[in-house]
N, C-alpha and C. Protein backbone atom coordinates (compact mmCIF):
# COMPACT_ATOMS: atom_id res chain seq x y z
N MET A 1 10.71 1.24 14.76
CA MET A 1 10.76 -0.20 14.84
C MET A 1 9.39 -0.78 15.18
N ARG A 2 8.67 -0.10 16.10
CA ARG A 2 7.35 -0.57 16.50
C ARG A 2 6.40 -0.62 15.31
N VAL A 3 6.51 0.38 14.44
CA VAL A 3 5.65 0.43 13.25
C VAL A 3 5.91 -0.79 12.37
N SER A 4 7.16 -1.16 12.22
CA SER A 4 7.52 -2.30 11.39
C SER A 4 6.87 -3.58 11.91
N ILE A 5 6.89 -3.77 13.19
CA ILE A 5 6.32 -4.97 13.78
C ILE A 5 4.81 -4.98 13.59
N VAL A 6 4.16 -3.84 13.86
CA VAL A 6 2.71 -3.75 13.69
C VAL A 6 2.33 -4.00 12.24
N PHE A 7 3.07 -3.41 11.32
CA PHE A 7 2.79 -3.56 9.90
C PHE A 7 2.87 -5.03 9.49
N PHE A 8 3.90 -5.72 9.89
CA PHE A 8 4.05 -7.11 9.49
C PHE A 8 3.04 -8.02 10.18
N LEU A 9 2.62 -7.67 11.38
CA LEU A 9 1.54 -8.42 12.02
C LEU A 9 0.24 -8.25 11.24
N LEU A 10 -0.01 -7.05 10.72
CA LEU A 10 -1.19 -6.83 9.88
C LEU A 10 -1.12 -7.67 8.61
N ILE A 11 0.06 -7.72 8.01
CA ILE A 11 0.24 -8.52 6.79
C ILE A 11 -0.04 -9.99 7.09
N ILE A 12 0.52 -10.47 8.18
CA ILE A 12 0.32 -11.88 8.53
C ILE A 12 -1.15 -12.16 8.79
N GLN A 13 -1.83 -11.26 9.51
CA GLN A 13 -3.25 -11.44 9.79
C GLN A 13 -4.05 -11.46 8.49
N PHE A 14 -3.76 -10.54 7.59
CA PHE A 14 -4.46 -10.48 6.31
C PHE A 14 -4.20 -11.74 5.49
N PHE A 15 -2.93 -12.18 5.44
CA PHE A 15 -2.57 -13.38 4.69
C PHE A 15 -3.28 -14.61 5.24
N LEU A 16 -3.27 -14.76 6.56
CA LEU A 16 -3.92 -15.93 7.15
C LEU A 16 -5.41 -15.92 6.88
N PHE A 17 -6.05 -14.77 6.99
CA PHE A 17 -7.48 -14.69 6.71
C PHE A 17 -7.78 -15.10 5.28
N MET A 18 -6.97 -14.58 4.34
CA MET A 18 -7.20 -14.90 2.93
C MET A 18 -6.92 -16.38 2.65
N SER A 19 -5.91 -16.93 3.30
CA SER A 19 -5.58 -18.34 3.08
C SER A 19 -6.70 -19.25 3.56
N PHE A 20 -7.26 -18.96 4.72
CA PHE A 20 -8.34 -19.78 5.25
C PHE A 20 -9.60 -19.68 4.41
N ASN A 21 -9.79 -18.57 3.75
CA ASN A 21 -11.00 -18.37 2.95
C ASN A 21 -10.81 -18.67 1.48
N GLU A 22 -9.64 -19.14 1.09
CA GLU A 22 -9.36 -19.37 -0.33
C GLU A 22 -10.32 -20.36 -0.96
N GLY A 23 -10.73 -21.36 -0.25
CA GLY A 23 -11.60 -22.38 -0.81
C GLY A 23 -12.99 -21.88 -1.14
N ARG A 24 -13.40 -20.77 -0.57
CA ARG A 24 -14.75 -20.28 -0.77
C ARG A 24 -14.99 -19.68 -2.14
N SER A 25 -13.96 -19.11 -2.75
CA SER A 25 -14.16 -18.54 -4.09
C SER A 25 -12.88 -18.74 -4.89
N SER A 26 -13.01 -19.27 -6.05
CA SER A 26 -11.84 -19.53 -6.87
C SER A 26 -11.43 -18.29 -7.63
N ARG A 27 -10.25 -18.33 -8.22
CA ARG A 27 -9.72 -17.20 -8.98
C ARG A 27 -10.61 -16.87 -10.15
N ASN A 28 -11.31 -17.80 -10.71
CA ASN A 28 -12.11 -17.57 -11.90
C ASN A 28 -13.59 -17.33 -11.63
N SER A 29 -14.00 -17.38 -10.38
CA SER A 29 -15.43 -17.19 -10.09
C SER A 29 -15.78 -15.72 -10.07
N CYS A 30 -17.02 -15.40 -10.40
CA CYS A 30 -17.48 -14.03 -10.36
C CYS A 30 -17.66 -13.62 -8.91
N CYS A 31 -17.25 -12.43 -8.61
CA CYS A 31 -17.39 -11.98 -7.24
C CYS A 31 -18.36 -10.82 -7.16
N SER A 32 -18.69 -10.46 -5.96
CA SER A 32 -19.56 -9.33 -5.69
C SER A 32 -19.07 -8.71 -4.40
N ARG A 33 -19.91 -7.95 -3.79
CA ARG A 33 -19.56 -7.36 -2.50
C ARG A 33 -19.21 -8.46 -1.50
N ASN A 34 -19.81 -9.64 -1.66
CA ASN A 34 -19.52 -10.75 -0.74
C ASN A 34 -18.04 -11.13 -0.76
N LEU A 35 -17.41 -11.13 -1.94
CA LEU A 35 -15.99 -11.46 -2.00
C LEU A 35 -15.17 -10.38 -1.31
N ILE A 36 -15.53 -9.13 -1.52
CA ILE A 36 -14.81 -8.05 -0.84
C ILE A 36 -14.96 -8.20 0.67
N GLU A 37 -16.15 -8.50 1.13
CA GLU A 37 -16.36 -8.72 2.57
C GLU A 37 -15.58 -9.93 3.07
N GLU A 38 -15.48 -10.95 2.23
CA GLU A 38 -14.75 -12.16 2.61
C GLU A 38 -13.25 -11.88 2.71
N VAL A 39 -12.74 -11.08 1.81
CA VAL A 39 -11.31 -10.80 1.74
C VAL A 39 -10.88 -9.80 2.81
N CYS A 40 -11.71 -8.80 3.07
CA CYS A 40 -11.32 -7.71 3.95
C CYS A 40 -11.76 -7.92 5.39
N LYS A 41 -10.86 -7.58 6.30
CA LYS A 41 -11.20 -7.67 7.71
C LYS A 41 -11.38 -6.30 8.34
N ASN A 42 -11.15 -5.23 7.58
CA ASN A 42 -11.30 -3.90 8.16
C ASN A 42 -11.95 -2.95 7.17
N LYS A 43 -12.41 -1.83 7.68
CA LYS A 43 -13.14 -0.84 6.89
C LYS A 43 -12.25 -0.22 5.81
N PHE A 44 -10.98 0.03 6.13
CA PHE A 44 -10.08 0.62 5.14
C PHE A 44 -9.98 -0.27 3.90
N CYS A 45 -9.80 -1.56 4.11
CA CYS A 45 -9.70 -2.50 3.00
C CYS A 45 -10.99 -2.51 2.19
N MET A 46 -12.12 -2.61 2.88
CA MET A 46 -13.40 -2.64 2.17
C MET A 46 -13.63 -1.36 1.38
N ASP A 47 -13.41 -0.22 2.02
CA ASP A 47 -13.62 1.06 1.34
C ASP A 47 -12.69 1.21 0.14
N SER A 48 -11.44 0.78 0.29
CA SER A 48 -10.47 0.90 -0.79
C SER A 48 -10.87 0.05 -1.99
N LEU A 49 -11.20 -1.22 -1.73
CA LEU A 49 -11.56 -2.11 -2.84
C LEU A 49 -12.89 -1.71 -3.49
N GLU A 50 -13.84 -1.28 -2.69
CA GLU A 50 -15.11 -0.85 -3.25
C GLU A 50 -14.96 0.42 -4.10
N ALA A 51 -13.97 1.24 -3.78
CA ALA A 51 -13.73 2.45 -4.56
C ALA A 51 -13.10 2.13 -5.91
N GLY A 52 -12.48 0.95 -6.03
CA GLY A 52 -11.85 0.55 -7.29
C GLY A 52 -12.87 0.40 -8.39
N LEU A 53 -12.55 0.94 -9.54
CA LEU A 53 -13.46 0.93 -10.68
C LEU A 53 -13.86 -0.50 -11.04
N GLY A 54 -15.14 -0.78 -10.99
CA GLY A 54 -15.65 -2.09 -11.38
C GLY A 54 -15.33 -3.21 -10.42
N SER A 55 -15.04 -2.89 -9.18
CA SER A 55 -14.61 -3.92 -8.24
C SER A 55 -15.73 -4.88 -7.84
N ARG A 56 -16.95 -4.52 -8.05
CA ARG A 56 -18.07 -5.36 -7.58
C ARG A 56 -18.25 -6.63 -8.40
N CYS A 57 -17.75 -6.70 -9.60
CA CYS A 57 -17.88 -7.91 -10.43
C CYS A 57 -16.52 -8.43 -10.82
N ARG A 58 -15.66 -8.61 -9.87
CA ARG A 58 -14.30 -9.08 -10.14
C ARG A 58 -14.00 -10.32 -9.33
N ASN A 59 -13.08 -11.13 -9.86
CA ASN A 59 -12.62 -12.28 -9.09
C ASN A 59 -11.46 -11.85 -8.19
N ARG A 60 -10.95 -12.77 -7.42
CA ARG A 60 -9.90 -12.46 -6.44
C ARG A 60 -8.65 -11.87 -7.11
N HIS A 61 -8.22 -12.45 -8.21
CA HIS A 61 -7.03 -11.94 -8.90
C HIS A 61 -7.26 -10.50 -9.39
N GLU A 62 -8.42 -10.25 -9.94
CA GLU A 62 -8.72 -8.90 -10.44
C GLU A 62 -8.83 -7.89 -9.28
N LEU A 63 -9.38 -8.32 -8.15
CA LEU A 63 -9.40 -7.45 -6.98
C LEU A 63 -7.98 -7.14 -6.51
N GLY A 64 -7.10 -8.13 -6.60
CA GLY A 64 -5.70 -7.91 -6.25
C GLY A 64 -5.07 -6.86 -7.15
N LEU A 65 -5.39 -6.93 -8.43
CA LEU A 65 -4.87 -5.94 -9.39
C LEU A 65 -5.43 -4.55 -9.08
N ILE A 66 -6.70 -4.48 -8.72
CA ILE A 66 -7.28 -3.20 -8.33
C ILE A 66 -6.56 -2.65 -7.10
N ALA A 67 -6.31 -3.50 -6.12
CA ALA A 67 -5.61 -3.07 -4.90
C ALA A 67 -4.21 -2.56 -5.22
N LEU A 68 -3.50 -3.26 -6.10
CA LEU A 68 -2.14 -2.84 -6.45
C LEU A 68 -2.15 -1.52 -7.23
N ASN A 69 -3.13 -1.34 -8.09
CA ASN A 69 -3.22 -0.07 -8.82
C ASN A 69 -3.61 1.08 -7.90
N LEU A 70 -4.46 0.80 -6.90
CA LEU A 70 -4.77 1.83 -5.90
C LEU A 70 -3.50 2.22 -5.14
N LEU A 71 -2.69 1.23 -4.81
CA LEU A 71 -1.42 1.50 -4.14
C LEU A 71 -0.52 2.35 -5.01
N LEU A 72 -0.42 2.00 -6.29
CA LEU A 72 0.41 2.78 -7.21
C LEU A 72 -0.09 4.22 -7.32
N ASN A 73 -1.40 4.39 -7.48
CA ASN A 73 -1.96 5.74 -7.59
C ASN A 73 -1.72 6.54 -6.32
N ASN A 74 -1.91 5.89 -5.17
CA ASN A 74 -1.72 6.57 -3.89
C ASN A 74 -0.26 6.98 -3.70
N THR A 75 0.65 6.09 -4.05
CA THR A 75 2.08 6.38 -3.90
C THR A 75 2.52 7.48 -4.86
N THR A 76 2.03 7.42 -6.09
CA THR A 76 2.37 8.46 -7.07
C THR A 76 1.84 9.81 -6.60
N ASP A 77 0.61 9.83 -6.08
CA ASP A 77 0.04 11.06 -5.56
C ASP A 77 0.85 11.58 -4.37
N THR A 78 1.32 10.69 -3.53
CA THR A 78 2.12 11.09 -2.37
C THR A 78 3.43 11.71 -2.80
N GLN A 79 4.08 11.14 -3.82
CA GLN A 79 5.34 11.75 -4.26
C GLN A 79 5.09 13.11 -4.89
N CYS A 80 3.96 13.30 -5.55
CA CYS A 80 3.60 14.63 -6.09
C CYS A 80 3.36 15.62 -4.95
N TYR A 81 2.70 15.15 -3.90
CA TYR A 81 2.44 15.98 -2.73
C TYR A 81 3.75 16.39 -2.06
N ILE A 82 4.70 15.47 -1.97
CA ILE A 82 6.01 15.79 -1.39
C ILE A 82 6.69 16.87 -2.23
N ARG A 83 6.62 16.75 -3.54
CA ARG A 83 7.22 17.78 -4.41
C ARG A 83 6.59 19.14 -4.15
N GLN A 84 5.26 19.16 -3.96
CA GLN A 84 4.58 20.42 -3.67
C GLN A 84 5.07 21.01 -2.34
N LEU A 85 5.19 20.17 -1.34
CA LEU A 85 5.69 20.65 -0.04
C LEU A 85 7.12 21.19 -0.17
N LEU A 86 7.94 20.50 -0.91
CA LEU A 86 9.32 20.95 -1.09
C LEU A 86 9.38 22.23 -1.92
N GLY A 87 8.41 22.42 -2.83
CA GLY A 87 8.35 23.65 -3.62
C GLY A 87 8.02 24.85 -2.75
N LYS A 88 7.37 24.61 -1.63
CA LYS A 88 7.03 25.67 -0.68
C LYS A 88 7.98 25.61 0.51
N SER A 89 9.24 25.32 0.26
CA SER A 89 10.16 25.00 1.35
C SER A 89 10.57 26.20 2.20
N LYS A 90 10.23 27.43 1.79
CA LYS A 90 10.55 28.57 2.64
C LYS A 90 9.75 28.46 3.93
N GLY A 91 10.44 28.57 5.03
CA GLY A 91 9.79 28.47 6.33
C GLY A 91 9.61 27.05 6.81
N LEU A 92 10.01 26.08 6.02
CA LEU A 92 9.89 24.68 6.40
C LEU A 92 11.05 24.32 7.32
N ASN A 93 10.75 23.60 8.38
CA ASN A 93 11.77 23.12 9.30
C ASN A 93 12.83 22.37 8.48
N PRO A 94 14.13 22.72 8.63
CA PRO A 94 15.17 22.07 7.82
C PRO A 94 15.24 20.55 7.99
N ILE A 95 14.92 20.08 9.19
CA ILE A 95 14.94 18.63 9.42
C ILE A 95 13.79 17.97 8.66
N ILE A 96 12.60 18.59 8.71
CA ILE A 96 11.46 18.05 7.98
C ILE A 96 11.72 18.12 6.48
N GLN A 97 12.35 19.20 6.02
CA GLN A 97 12.68 19.31 4.60
C GLN A 97 13.62 18.18 4.19
N SER A 98 14.62 17.90 4.99
CA SER A 98 15.54 16.80 4.71
C SER A 98 14.81 15.46 4.68
N ASN A 99 13.90 15.26 5.65
CA ASN A 99 13.12 14.02 5.68
C ASN A 99 12.22 13.90 4.46
N LEU A 100 11.61 15.01 4.04
CA LEU A 100 10.76 14.99 2.84
C LEU A 100 11.58 14.61 1.61
N GLU A 101 12.78 15.15 1.51
CA GLU A 101 13.66 14.81 0.38
C GLU A 101 14.00 13.32 0.39
N THR A 102 14.26 12.78 1.57
CA THR A 102 14.53 11.34 1.70
C THR A 102 13.30 10.52 1.32
N CYS A 103 12.12 10.95 1.80
CA CYS A 103 10.88 10.24 1.47
C CYS A 103 10.63 10.26 -0.04
N LEU A 104 10.90 11.39 -0.66
CA LEU A 104 10.70 11.50 -2.11
C LEU A 104 11.58 10.49 -2.83
N GLU A 105 12.85 10.40 -2.44
CA GLU A 105 13.76 9.42 -3.06
C GLU A 105 13.27 7.99 -2.82
N LEU A 106 12.84 7.71 -1.60
CA LEU A 106 12.36 6.37 -1.28
C LEU A 106 11.14 6.01 -2.14
N TYR A 107 10.19 6.93 -2.24
CA TYR A 107 8.97 6.64 -3.00
C TYR A 107 9.25 6.58 -4.50
N LEU A 108 10.14 7.41 -5.00
CA LEU A 108 10.45 7.34 -6.43
C LEU A 108 11.04 5.99 -6.81
N SER A 109 11.98 5.51 -6.01
CA SER A 109 12.56 4.19 -6.32
C SER A 109 11.55 3.08 -6.04
N GLY A 110 10.74 3.25 -5.00
CA GLY A 110 9.73 2.25 -4.69
C GLY A 110 8.67 2.12 -5.77
N ILE A 111 8.32 3.24 -6.42
CA ILE A 111 7.33 3.20 -7.50
C ILE A 111 7.83 2.35 -8.66
N VAL A 112 9.11 2.47 -8.97
CA VAL A 112 9.68 1.65 -10.04
C VAL A 112 9.54 0.17 -9.70
N ASP A 113 9.89 -0.19 -8.47
CA ASP A 113 9.77 -1.59 -8.03
C ASP A 113 8.31 -2.04 -8.02
N LEU A 114 7.42 -1.15 -7.60
CA LEU A 114 6.00 -1.49 -7.55
C LEU A 114 5.45 -1.77 -8.94
N LYS A 115 5.85 -0.98 -9.93
CA LYS A 115 5.40 -1.21 -11.31
C LYS A 115 5.86 -2.58 -11.81
N VAL A 116 7.08 -2.95 -11.46
CA VAL A 116 7.58 -4.29 -11.82
C VAL A 116 6.75 -5.35 -11.12
N GLY A 117 6.43 -5.12 -9.85
CA GLY A 117 5.61 -6.07 -9.10
C GLY A 117 4.21 -6.22 -9.68
N ILE A 118 3.61 -5.11 -10.12
CA ILE A 118 2.28 -5.18 -10.71
C ILE A 118 2.31 -5.97 -12.01
N THR A 119 3.34 -5.75 -12.82
CA THR A 119 3.49 -6.50 -14.07
C THR A 119 3.63 -8.00 -13.77
N ALA A 120 4.42 -8.33 -12.76
CA ALA A 120 4.59 -9.74 -12.39
C ALA A 120 3.28 -10.33 -11.90
N TYR A 121 2.53 -9.57 -11.13
CA TYR A 121 1.24 -10.06 -10.62
C TYR A 121 0.27 -10.29 -11.77
N GLU A 122 0.24 -9.39 -12.73
CA GLU A 122 -0.66 -9.52 -13.87
C GLU A 122 -0.38 -10.80 -14.65
N SER A 123 0.91 -11.10 -14.83
CA SER A 123 1.26 -12.23 -15.68
C SER A 123 1.31 -13.56 -14.95
N SER A 124 1.79 -13.56 -13.71
CA SER A 124 2.00 -14.85 -13.05
C SER A 124 1.47 -14.93 -11.63
N GLY A 125 0.93 -13.84 -11.12
CA GLY A 125 0.46 -13.85 -9.75
C GLY A 125 1.54 -13.57 -8.73
N GLY A 126 2.77 -13.29 -9.19
CA GLY A 126 3.88 -12.96 -8.28
C GLY A 126 3.93 -11.47 -8.03
N GLY A 127 5.11 -10.97 -7.68
CA GLY A 127 5.31 -9.54 -7.53
C GLY A 127 5.43 -9.06 -6.11
N ILE A 128 5.61 -9.98 -5.18
CA ILE A 128 5.64 -9.58 -3.77
C ILE A 128 6.82 -8.66 -3.45
N PHE A 129 7.93 -8.83 -4.16
CA PHE A 129 9.09 -7.99 -3.86
C PHE A 129 8.84 -6.53 -4.22
N GLY A 130 8.14 -6.28 -5.30
CA GLY A 130 7.82 -4.91 -5.69
C GLY A 130 6.91 -4.23 -4.67
N VAL A 131 5.92 -4.96 -4.18
CA VAL A 131 5.00 -4.38 -3.19
C VAL A 131 5.72 -4.24 -1.84
N SER A 132 6.56 -5.19 -1.51
CA SER A 132 7.32 -5.10 -0.27
C SER A 132 8.25 -3.89 -0.29
N ALA A 133 8.82 -3.59 -1.45
CA ALA A 133 9.73 -2.44 -1.56
C ALA A 133 9.01 -1.14 -1.24
N ILE A 134 7.79 -1.00 -1.75
CA ILE A 134 7.07 0.25 -1.49
C ILE A 134 6.62 0.31 -0.04
N SER A 135 6.32 -0.84 0.56
CA SER A 135 5.94 -0.83 1.98
C SER A 135 7.14 -0.43 2.84
N TRP A 136 8.33 -0.92 2.48
CA TRP A 136 9.53 -0.53 3.23
C TRP A 136 9.82 0.96 3.04
N SER A 137 9.53 1.50 1.86
CA SER A 137 9.69 2.94 1.64
C SER A 137 8.78 3.70 2.60
N GLY A 138 7.54 3.23 2.73
CA GLY A 138 6.60 3.87 3.64
C GLY A 138 7.04 3.79 5.09
N ILE A 139 7.55 2.63 5.49
CA ILE A 139 8.02 2.45 6.87
C ILE A 139 9.20 3.36 7.15
N ARG A 140 10.17 3.39 6.25
CA ARG A 140 11.36 4.22 6.47
C ARG A 140 11.01 5.70 6.47
N CYS A 141 10.09 6.10 5.60
CA CYS A 141 9.65 7.50 5.57
C CYS A 141 8.96 7.84 6.89
N LYS A 142 8.07 6.98 7.32
CA LYS A 142 7.33 7.21 8.56
C LYS A 142 8.27 7.26 9.76
N ASP A 143 9.22 6.35 9.82
CA ASP A 143 10.18 6.33 10.93
C ASP A 143 11.05 7.59 10.93
N GLY A 144 11.45 8.06 9.75
CA GLY A 144 12.24 9.29 9.67
C GLY A 144 11.48 10.49 10.15
N MET A 145 10.20 10.57 9.80
CA MET A 145 9.37 11.68 10.24
C MET A 145 9.11 11.63 11.74
N ARG A 146 9.03 10.44 12.29
CA ARG A 146 8.77 10.28 13.71
C ARG A 146 9.93 10.81 14.55
N ALA A 147 11.13 10.83 13.99
CA ALA A 147 12.30 11.30 14.72
C ALA A 147 12.22 12.80 15.02
N ASN A 148 11.33 13.53 14.36
CA ASN A 148 11.18 14.97 14.58
C ASN A 148 10.22 15.22 15.73
N LYS A 149 10.70 15.09 16.93
CA LYS A 149 9.83 15.26 18.09
C LYS A 149 9.31 16.69 18.14
N GLY A 150 8.01 16.81 18.36
CA GLY A 150 7.39 18.12 18.47
C GLY A 150 6.90 18.68 17.14
N ALA A 151 7.37 18.16 16.03
CA ALA A 151 6.94 18.65 14.72
C ALA A 151 5.78 17.80 14.22
N VAL A 152 4.86 18.42 13.50
CA VAL A 152 3.73 17.69 12.93
C VAL A 152 4.20 17.01 11.64
N PRO A 153 4.15 15.68 11.57
CA PRO A 153 4.60 14.99 10.36
C PRO A 153 3.62 15.22 9.21
N PRO A 154 4.07 15.83 8.12
CA PRO A 154 3.17 16.17 7.02
C PRO A 154 2.68 14.98 6.20
N LEU A 155 3.28 13.81 6.37
CA LEU A 155 2.91 12.64 5.56
C LEU A 155 2.29 11.52 6.38
N LYS A 156 1.89 11.80 7.61
CA LYS A 156 1.43 10.74 8.50
C LYS A 156 0.30 9.91 7.88
N LYS A 157 -0.78 10.55 7.44
CA LYS A 157 -1.91 9.82 6.87
C LYS A 157 -1.51 9.14 5.57
N ARG A 158 -0.77 9.82 4.74
CA ARG A 158 -0.36 9.24 3.46
C ARG A 158 0.52 8.02 3.66
N ASN A 159 1.48 8.10 4.58
CA ASN A 159 2.33 6.93 4.86
C ASN A 159 1.49 5.78 5.40
N ASN A 160 0.55 6.06 6.30
CA ASN A 160 -0.31 5.01 6.84
C ASN A 160 -1.15 4.36 5.74
N ASP A 161 -1.70 5.17 4.84
CA ASP A 161 -2.49 4.62 3.73
C ASP A 161 -1.64 3.72 2.84
N ILE A 162 -0.42 4.15 2.56
CA ILE A 162 0.47 3.33 1.73
C ILE A 162 0.79 2.01 2.42
N LEU A 163 1.02 2.06 3.72
CA LEU A 163 1.30 0.82 4.45
C LEU A 163 0.10 -0.12 4.44
N HIS A 164 -1.10 0.42 4.64
CA HIS A 164 -2.30 -0.42 4.62
C HIS A 164 -2.57 -0.98 3.22
N LEU A 165 -2.43 -0.16 2.19
CA LEU A 165 -2.64 -0.65 0.82
C LEU A 165 -1.58 -1.69 0.45
N SER A 166 -0.36 -1.50 0.94
CA SER A 166 0.69 -2.51 0.70
C SER A 166 0.31 -3.84 1.33
N ALA A 167 -0.21 -3.79 2.55
CA ALA A 167 -0.61 -5.02 3.23
C ALA A 167 -1.71 -5.72 2.46
N ILE A 168 -2.66 -4.96 1.92
CA ILE A 168 -3.74 -5.56 1.11
C ILE A 168 -3.14 -6.21 -0.13
N GLY A 169 -2.24 -5.49 -0.82
CA GLY A 169 -1.60 -6.03 -2.03
C GLY A 169 -0.80 -7.28 -1.74
N ILE A 170 -0.03 -7.27 -0.67
CA ILE A 170 0.77 -8.44 -0.30
C ILE A 170 -0.16 -9.62 0.03
N GLY A 171 -1.27 -9.33 0.67
CA GLY A 171 -2.23 -10.39 0.97
C GLY A 171 -2.75 -11.06 -0.28
N PHE A 172 -3.08 -10.28 -1.30
CA PHE A 172 -3.58 -10.87 -2.55
C PHE A 172 -2.48 -11.67 -3.25
N ILE A 173 -1.27 -11.13 -3.28
CA ILE A 173 -0.17 -11.84 -3.94
C ILE A 173 0.12 -13.15 -3.21
N SER A 174 0.04 -13.15 -1.91
CA SER A 174 0.38 -14.33 -1.11
C SER A 174 -0.54 -15.51 -1.35
N VAL A 175 -1.77 -15.27 -1.78
CA VAL A 175 -2.71 -16.38 -1.96
C VAL A 175 -2.82 -16.81 -3.42
N GLU A 176 -2.07 -16.19 -4.31
CA GLU A 176 -2.13 -16.59 -5.74
C GLU A 176 -1.47 -17.93 -5.92
């Protein structure tokens, strides 16, 4: 539950920052590193957007699309990683194995919703429900893994990255 509150506070902080800075650069203006610095309040956001192919000469909408595609790639990679872990399930704690299976189902359905959200964002600037669905998948997966006291959660960093990328994506969608 604590993770959910922290996550939504991050989303609100990101949304408010982007809303206050909306007047500084329009959707159609050329951007540079300055726009990325303007949009991002933390190193993870800056590093993620700068890693996006061609992100240095994009406007706000295009940066949003880069962020959403990074989220999709990260989530797809995470579900592949979960499959690999499950393929090596001999010796795996049965509770962790069950949680991994649940996370896989959550991410598989979330990816479908995220693809719909990306399509909506491309065409109309909407799509918040698709990105929210994948963030909830990350929260539920993370909460399920946290219930295994004493066990090392195998998806901790991946779940955190998905939650942060979701917050970035939601921030871009919110200001369209």
